[in-house]
Amino acid sequence: DAPAAPIVLDGDLALQTACVRLVEANISSAPVRDTAADRLVGMLDFRDIATYIVAELSRSSEHLNDHDLDVAKLVATARTAPASSGVVTVKQVMNFSGRDPLVAVSATAPLVTALRHFVEQRVQRLCVVDGAVTDAAAAAAQPLVGVFSQSTLIALIASEFGHMPRLNKLTAANASWPTGDQTLEQLGLAHGDVISVTSDHSVLDALRAMLDHGISSIAIVGKTEAERHRLVGSLSMSDVKHILAKKGGLRCLFENAFAFFARIRYQQGVESGADRVPSFTVKATTTLIAAIERLAATRVHRLWVEKDGRLTGVLSLSDILPL
């Protein structure tokens, strides 16, 4: 079967409608097109939306006691909304966070080109266009054929170098990758600064911490001093979709972070039949390729690293690709 056409958002689309489309398509971002100019102009992701929501909530304290608060009501009074319509559009919020800009790559480019973009430009996804990419302006005018993400590349690495059986390997036997057989501790990936909130902090506290530290996921740890290195859950920017998906959903921002985490993971388990409540963790003694296989199998963007029952670091796709 032919691959599904990529989701593209019109720049003049209302932000509320764009949120719904991202949630319905179960994606965390989409390219934005200026229909009049017939060219790509940016990317919209949940980090942009979260940044926007936090900024607006911080600006207007009157929203904090509104029990029916939703995105539509929030944008109606937003400082960026034109007075005539009261509508905030996608093009006003895209790249609101200043992260993950539009970067294009030709469909005929080698994989190493995509890898270089991921590492050097620190983006999580690329727009794949049908034509030569000589400069940004030319690329934006090319027909879009798909979106290539870090997760897709990690899945390919797992398939080619991993030890789990695969039916679709490009090579007859597992290729050799000595680095992949080293442990996270040997590679210096088992220890690092872990940004966290305690289990009794609010979802809004967690979002603000992620934005302040420029990260896309945050650990939830126990609330007592003795439990500060014990992982009990995690939240990511993509979890914003669970806040946007229903009327009054922004009230979830003031919910206990762990309760929110447990509820959405339980719901994911009900829908998929999988146990999603525990956060995904690996040991410091886990090999890199085993961690990559787990990332690919679970379709998550990061794994929390533990040693002797204590949270010591976080392994993200961006940590792996430079290797």
Protein backbone atom coordinates (compact mmCIF):
# COMPACT_ATOMS: atom_id res chain seq x y z
CA ASP A 1 0.00 0.00 0.00
CA ALA A 2 1.09 3.57 -0.63
CA PRO A 3 2.06 5.52 2.49
CA ALA A 4 -0.58 7.87 3.87
CA ALA A 5 -0.27 11.50 2.86
CA PRO A 6 1.42 13.59 5.57
CA ILE A 7 -0.75 15.82 7.74
CA VAL A 8 -0.21 19.47 6.80
CA LEU A 9 -1.79 22.39 8.65
CA ASP A 10 -2.88 25.59 6.94
CA GLY A 11 -1.25 28.62 8.54
CA ASP A 12 -4.61 30.38 8.81
CA LEU A 13 -6.26 27.44 10.60
CA ALA A 14 -7.57 28.19 14.08
CA LEU A 15 -5.28 26.85 16.78
CA GLN A 16 -8.13 24.96 18.44
CA THR A 17 -8.88 23.11 15.18
CA ALA A 18 -5.17 22.35 14.68
CA CYS A 19 -5.00 20.89 18.19
CA VAL A 20 -7.90 18.58 17.40
CA ARG A 21 -6.26 17.42 14.16
CA LEU A 22 -2.99 16.59 15.89
CA VAL A 23 -4.84 14.64 18.58
CA GLU A 24 -7.01 12.77 16.07
CA ALA A 25 -3.98 11.85 13.94
CA ASN A 26 -2.04 10.84 17.09
CA ILE A 27 0.97 12.91 16.04
CA SER A 28 2.96 15.46 18.02
CA SER A 29 3.74 17.90 15.21
CA ALA A 30 2.92 18.82 11.63
CA PRO A 31 4.33 21.06 8.89
CA VAL A 32 2.53 24.36 8.30
CA ARG A 33 1.72 25.62 4.81
CA ASP A 34 0.92 29.11 3.55
CA THR A 35 -1.79 28.12 1.09
CA ALA A 36 -1.81 31.46 -0.74
CA ALA A 37 1.94 31.32 -1.37
CA ASP A 38 1.89 27.52 -1.80
CA ARG A 39 4.92 26.92 0.36
CA LEU A 40 5.86 25.46 3.72
CA VAL A 41 6.43 28.12 6.37
CA GLY A 42 7.11 26.26 9.62
CA MET A 43 6.27 23.49 12.06
CA LEU A 44 3.70 23.34 14.85
CA ASP A 45 4.24 20.95 17.74
CA PHE A 46 2.98 20.46 21.27
CA ARG A 47 5.96 22.33 22.69
CA ASP A 48 4.82 25.43 20.78
CA ILE A 49 1.27 24.98 22.07
CA ALA A 50 2.44 24.35 25.65
CA THR A 51 4.67 27.42 25.56
CA TYR A 52 1.76 29.49 24.29
CA ILE A 53 -0.69 28.17 26.89
CA VAL A 54 1.70 28.75 29.81
CA ALA A 55 2.47 32.26 28.55
CA GLU A 56 -1.22 33.14 28.31
CA LEU A 57 -2.06 31.66 31.70
CA SER A 58 0.79 33.60 33.26
CA ARG A 59 -0.44 36.78 31.60
CA SER A 60 -4.05 36.49 32.69
CA SER A 61 -4.66 35.21 36.21
CA GLU A 62 -8.43 35.44 35.68
CA HIS A 63 -8.27 32.09 33.86
CA LEU A 64 -7.02 30.25 36.90
CA ASN A 65 -10.49 29.96 38.48
CA ASP A 66 -12.34 29.19 35.24
CA HIS A 67 -13.61 25.61 35.61
CA ASP A 68 -14.74 25.41 31.96
CA LEU A 69 -11.46 26.65 30.56
CA ASP A 70 -10.47 25.21 27.20
CA VAL A 71 -8.19 26.25 24.37
CA ALA A 72 -11.00 28.00 22.47
CA LYS A 73 -11.79 30.23 25.46
CA LEU A 74 -8.12 30.88 26.17
CA VAL A 75 -7.31 31.99 22.63
CA ALA A 76 -10.39 34.18 22.48
CA THR A 77 -8.75 36.56 24.97
CA ALA A 78 -5.17 36.03 23.87
CA ARG A 79 -2.85 38.97 23.30
CA THR A 80 -1.96 37.54 19.87
CA ALA A 81 -5.56 37.30 18.68
CA PRO A 82 -6.74 39.96 16.20
CA ALA A 83 -9.40 42.16 17.82
CA SER A 84 -11.79 41.63 14.92
CA SER A 85 -11.99 37.84 15.14
CA GLY A 86 -10.54 36.81 18.48
CA VAL A 87 -8.98 33.81 16.74
CA VAL A 88 -5.39 32.72 17.18
CA THR A 89 -4.08 30.93 14.11
CA VAL A 90 -1.48 28.24 13.59
CA LYS A 91 0.99 30.64 11.98
CA GLN A 92 0.92 32.82 15.11
CA VAL A 93 1.87 29.95 17.40
CA MET A 94 4.13 27.81 15.19
CA ASN A 95 7.68 27.84 16.55
CA PHE A 96 6.38 29.80 19.56
CA SER A 97 8.87 27.83 21.64
CA GLY A 98 11.81 28.73 19.40
CA ARG A 99 12.65 25.03 19.01
CA ASP A 100 12.41 22.48 16.19
CA PRO A 101 12.12 24.81 13.17
CA LEU A 102 11.26 23.71 9.66
CA VAL A 103 14.19 21.79 8.13
CA ALA A 104 13.78 20.01 4.80
CA VAL A 105 15.64 17.15 3.15
CA SER A 106 15.33 15.70 -0.33
CA ALA A 107 13.64 12.32 -0.68
CA THR A 108 16.70 11.14 -2.63
CA ALA A 109 19.24 12.26 -0.02
CA PRO A 110 21.25 9.55 1.78
CA LEU A 111 20.34 8.71 5.38
CA VAL A 112 23.57 10.29 6.57
CA THR A 113 22.20 13.67 5.45
CA ALA A 114 19.19 13.24 7.72
CA LEU A 115 21.47 12.16 10.56
CA ARG A 116 23.63 15.24 10.08
CA HIS A 117 20.57 17.51 10.24
CA PHE A 118 19.37 15.81 13.44
CA VAL A 119 22.75 16.22 15.14
CA GLU A 120 23.86 19.63 13.86
CA GLN A 121 20.52 21.44 13.84
CA ARG A 122 19.11 19.61 16.87
CA VAL A 123 15.70 19.02 15.32
CA GLN A 124 13.50 16.00 15.97
CA ARG A 125 11.90 15.70 12.55
CA LEU A 126 12.56 16.64 8.92
CA CYS A 127 10.20 17.53 6.09
CA VAL A 128 10.94 15.24 3.14
CA VAL A 129 10.40 17.02 -0.18
CA ASP A 130 10.29 15.84 -3.76
CA GLY A 131 13.11 17.80 -5.29
CA ALA A 132 16.57 19.19 -4.72
CA VAL A 133 17.20 21.12 -1.52
CA THR A 134 19.59 23.89 -2.49
CA ASP A 135 18.50 26.35 0.19
CA ALA A 136 15.68 26.86 2.69
CA ALA A 137 13.59 29.00 0.36
CA ALA A 138 13.76 26.48 -2.48
CA ALA A 139 13.00 23.58 -0.15
CA ALA A 140 9.89 25.29 1.23
CA ALA A 141 8.42 25.50 -2.27
CA GLN A 142 8.96 21.80 -3.09
CA PRO A 143 6.11 19.23 -2.84
CA LEU A 144 6.02 17.57 0.59
CA VAL A 145 6.11 13.77 0.47
CA GLY A 146 6.51 12.91 4.14
CA VAL A 147 8.02 13.59 7.55
CA PHE A 148 11.14 11.72 8.70
CA SER A 149 11.69 11.66 12.46
CA GLN A 150 14.45 10.67 14.85
CA SER A 151 12.19 7.81 15.96
CA THR A 152 12.09 6.43 12.41
CA LEU A 153 15.89 6.48 12.19
CA ILE A 154 16.22 4.82 15.61
CA ALA A 155 13.82 2.07 14.51
CA LEU A 156 16.00 1.46 11.44
CA ILE A 157 19.13 1.25 13.60
CA ALA A 158 17.38 -1.24 15.90
CA SER A 159 16.35 -3.33 12.91
CA GLU A 160 19.82 -3.42 11.39
CA PHE A 161 22.03 -3.76 14.45
CA GLY A 162 19.73 -5.18 17.11
CA HIS A 163 19.64 -8.70 18.41
CA MET A 164 15.89 -9.22 18.26
CA PRO A 165 14.69 -11.22 15.21
CA ARG A 166 13.48 -9.10 12.29
CA LEU A 167 11.78 -10.16 9.09
CA ASN A 168 12.62 -6.99 7.19
CA LYS A 169 16.35 -6.58 7.68
CA LEU A 170 18.15 -4.93 4.82
CA THR A 171 21.09 -7.26 5.35
CA ALA A 172 21.06 -11.03 5.67
CA ALA A 173 22.93 -11.02 8.98
CA ASN A 174 23.24 -8.56 11.82
CA ALA A 175 25.70 -5.83 10.94
CA SER A 176 28.51 -5.20 13.39
CA TRP A 177 28.43 -2.12 15.59
CA PRO A 178 30.88 -2.39 18.49
CA THR A 179 29.59 0.79 20.13
CA GLY A 180 26.14 -0.76 20.37
CA ASP A 181 27.47 -3.62 22.50
CA GLN A 182 28.87 -1.28 25.14
CA THR A 183 26.82 -0.45 28.23
CA LEU A 184 25.31 2.95 28.90
CA GLU A 185 27.72 3.34 31.80
CA GLN A 186 30.72 2.56 29.59
CA LEU A 187 29.56 5.18 27.10
CA GLY A 188 29.00 7.83 29.78
CA LEU A 189 25.25 7.82 29.18
CA ALA A 190 24.13 6.50 32.56
CA HIS A 191 24.66 9.65 34.58
CA GLY A 192 23.54 13.22 34.07
CA ASP A 193 21.35 16.00 35.33
CA VAL A 194 17.78 14.79 35.76
CA ILE A 195 15.16 17.53 35.92
CA SER A 196 12.26 16.41 38.06
CA VAL A 197 9.14 17.44 39.95
CA THR A 198 7.80 15.67 42.99
CA SER A 199 4.59 13.68 42.81
CA ASP A 200 2.56 16.40 44.52
CA HIS A 201 3.51 19.17 42.07
CA SER A 202 0.92 20.21 39.49
CA VAL A 203 0.97 19.45 35.77
CA LEU A 204 1.47 23.18 35.18
CA ASP A 205 4.54 23.09 37.44
CA ALA A 206 5.90 20.23 35.33
CA LEU A 207 5.24 22.07 32.05
CA ARG A 208 6.89 25.23 33.32
CA ALA A 209 9.95 23.26 34.45
CA MET A 210 10.25 21.62 31.03
CA LEU A 211 10.01 24.99 29.28
CA ASP A 212 12.45 26.66 31.68
CA HIS A 213 15.06 23.93 31.15
CA GLY A 214 14.45 23.42 27.42
CA ILE A 215 13.54 19.74 27.78
CA SER A 216 10.67 17.68 26.38
CA SER A 217 10.16 15.24 29.27
CA ILE A 218 10.38 15.46 33.04
CA ALA A 219 10.69 12.83 35.76
CA ILE A 220 8.16 12.56 38.57
CA VAL A 221 9.84 11.45 41.79
CA GLY A 222 8.71 10.70 45.33
CA LYS A 223 7.83 13.70 47.48
CA THR A 224 9.93 12.88 50.55
CA GLU A 225 13.66 13.51 50.74
CA ALA A 226 14.32 9.76 50.85
CA GLU A 227 12.30 9.26 47.66
CA ARG A 228 13.79 12.07 45.57
CA HIS A 229 15.84 9.61 43.51
CA ARG A 230 12.97 7.13 43.03
CA LEU A 231 11.14 7.45 39.72
CA VAL A 232 7.35 7.10 40.02
CA GLY A 233 6.33 8.49 36.63
CA SER A 234 7.08 11.04 33.93
CA LEU A 235 5.38 13.62 31.75
CA SER A 236 6.32 14.83 28.28
CA MET A 237 5.32 17.65 25.97
CA SER A 238 3.24 15.22 23.91
CA ASP A 239 1.04 14.64 26.98
CA VAL A 240 -0.35 18.13 26.32
CA LYS A 241 -2.69 16.46 23.83
CA HIS A 242 -4.59 14.88 26.73
CA ILE A 243 -5.22 18.39 28.04
CA LEU A 244 -6.38 19.74 24.69
CA ALA A 245 -8.63 16.84 23.75
CA LYS A 246 -11.72 17.82 25.74
CA LYS A 247 -13.71 20.85 26.82
CA GLY A 248 -12.42 22.23 30.07
CA GLY A 249 -9.29 20.16 29.61
CA LEU A 250 -6.98 22.95 30.72
CA ARG A 251 -8.18 22.31 34.27
CA CYS A 252 -5.87 19.29 34.12
CA LEU A 253 -2.97 21.74 34.35
CA PHE A 254 -3.77 22.17 38.03
CA GLU A 255 -4.08 18.45 38.70
CA ASN A 256 -1.52 16.51 40.73
CA ALA A 257 1.25 15.51 38.29
CA PHE A 258 1.41 11.86 39.35
CA ALA A 259 -2.38 11.46 39.34
CA PHE A 260 -2.50 12.91 35.81
CA PHE A 261 0.34 10.62 34.69
CA ALA A 262 -1.32 7.51 36.12
CA ARG A 263 -4.69 8.39 34.60
CA ILE A 264 -3.47 8.97 31.06
CA ARG A 265 -1.22 5.90 31.09
CA TYR A 266 -4.11 3.79 32.37
CA GLN A 267 -6.31 5.12 29.57
CA GLN A 268 -3.61 4.31 27.00
CA GLY A 269 -3.50 0.78 28.40
CA VAL A 270 -7.27 0.41 28.07
CA GLU A 271 -7.14 1.61 24.47
CA SER A 272 -4.09 -0.43 23.38
CA GLY A 273 -4.29 -3.44 25.66
CA ALA A 274 -0.77 -2.73 26.91
CA ASP A 275 0.45 -1.89 30.39
CA ARG A 276 1.50 1.74 30.07
CA VAL A 277 1.43 2.87 33.69
CA PRO A 278 5.13 2.25 34.55
CA SER A 279 7.65 4.68 33.09
CA PHE A 280 10.17 3.14 30.74
CA THR A 281 13.50 2.56 32.46
CA VAL A 282 16.80 0.84 31.72
CA LYS A 283 19.73 -0.09 33.92
CA ALA A 284 23.13 1.54 33.69
CA THR A 285 24.43 -1.90 32.67
CA THR A 286 22.05 -2.10 29.67
CA THR A 287 23.84 -2.16 26.31
CA LEU A 288 23.25 0.72 23.95
CA ILE A 289 21.69 -1.49 21.26
CA ALA A 290 19.32 -3.06 23.82
CA ALA A 291 18.24 0.44 24.86
CA ILE A 292 17.74 1.39 21.21
CA GLU A 293 15.61 -1.71 20.63
CA ARG A 294 13.48 -0.80 23.61
CA LEU A 295 13.05 2.76 22.34
CA ALA A 296 11.95 1.40 18.97
CA ALA A 297 9.62 -1.22 20.43
CA THR A 298 7.90 1.15 22.84
CA ARG A 299 7.92 4.15 20.47
CA VAL A 300 9.04 6.51 23.20
CA HIS A 301 11.64 9.26 22.82
CA ARG A 302 13.58 8.65 26.02
CA LEU A 303 14.38 6.10 28.69
CA TRP A 304 15.12 6.82 32.33
CA VAL A 305 18.38 5.29 33.56
CA GLU A 306 18.58 3.67 37.00
CA LYS A 307 21.46 2.24 39.02
CA ASP A 308 21.00 0.41 42.31
CA GLY A 309 17.37 1.48 42.40
CA ARG A 310 18.19 5.19 42.05
CA LEU A 311 17.40 7.45 39.12
CA THR A 312 20.74 8.56 37.65
CA GLY A 313 20.08 9.86 34.14
CA VAL A 314 17.92 10.03 31.06
CA LEU A 315 18.74 8.62 27.62
CA SER A 316 17.14 10.45 24.70
CA LEU A 317 17.22 9.95 20.94
CA SER A 318 19.37 13.07 20.67
CA ASP A 319 21.97 11.45 22.95
CA ILE A 320 22.21 8.38 20.72
CA LEU A 321 22.36 9.82 17.21
CA PRO A 322 25.80 11.52 17.53
CA LEU A 323 27.31 8.11 18.36
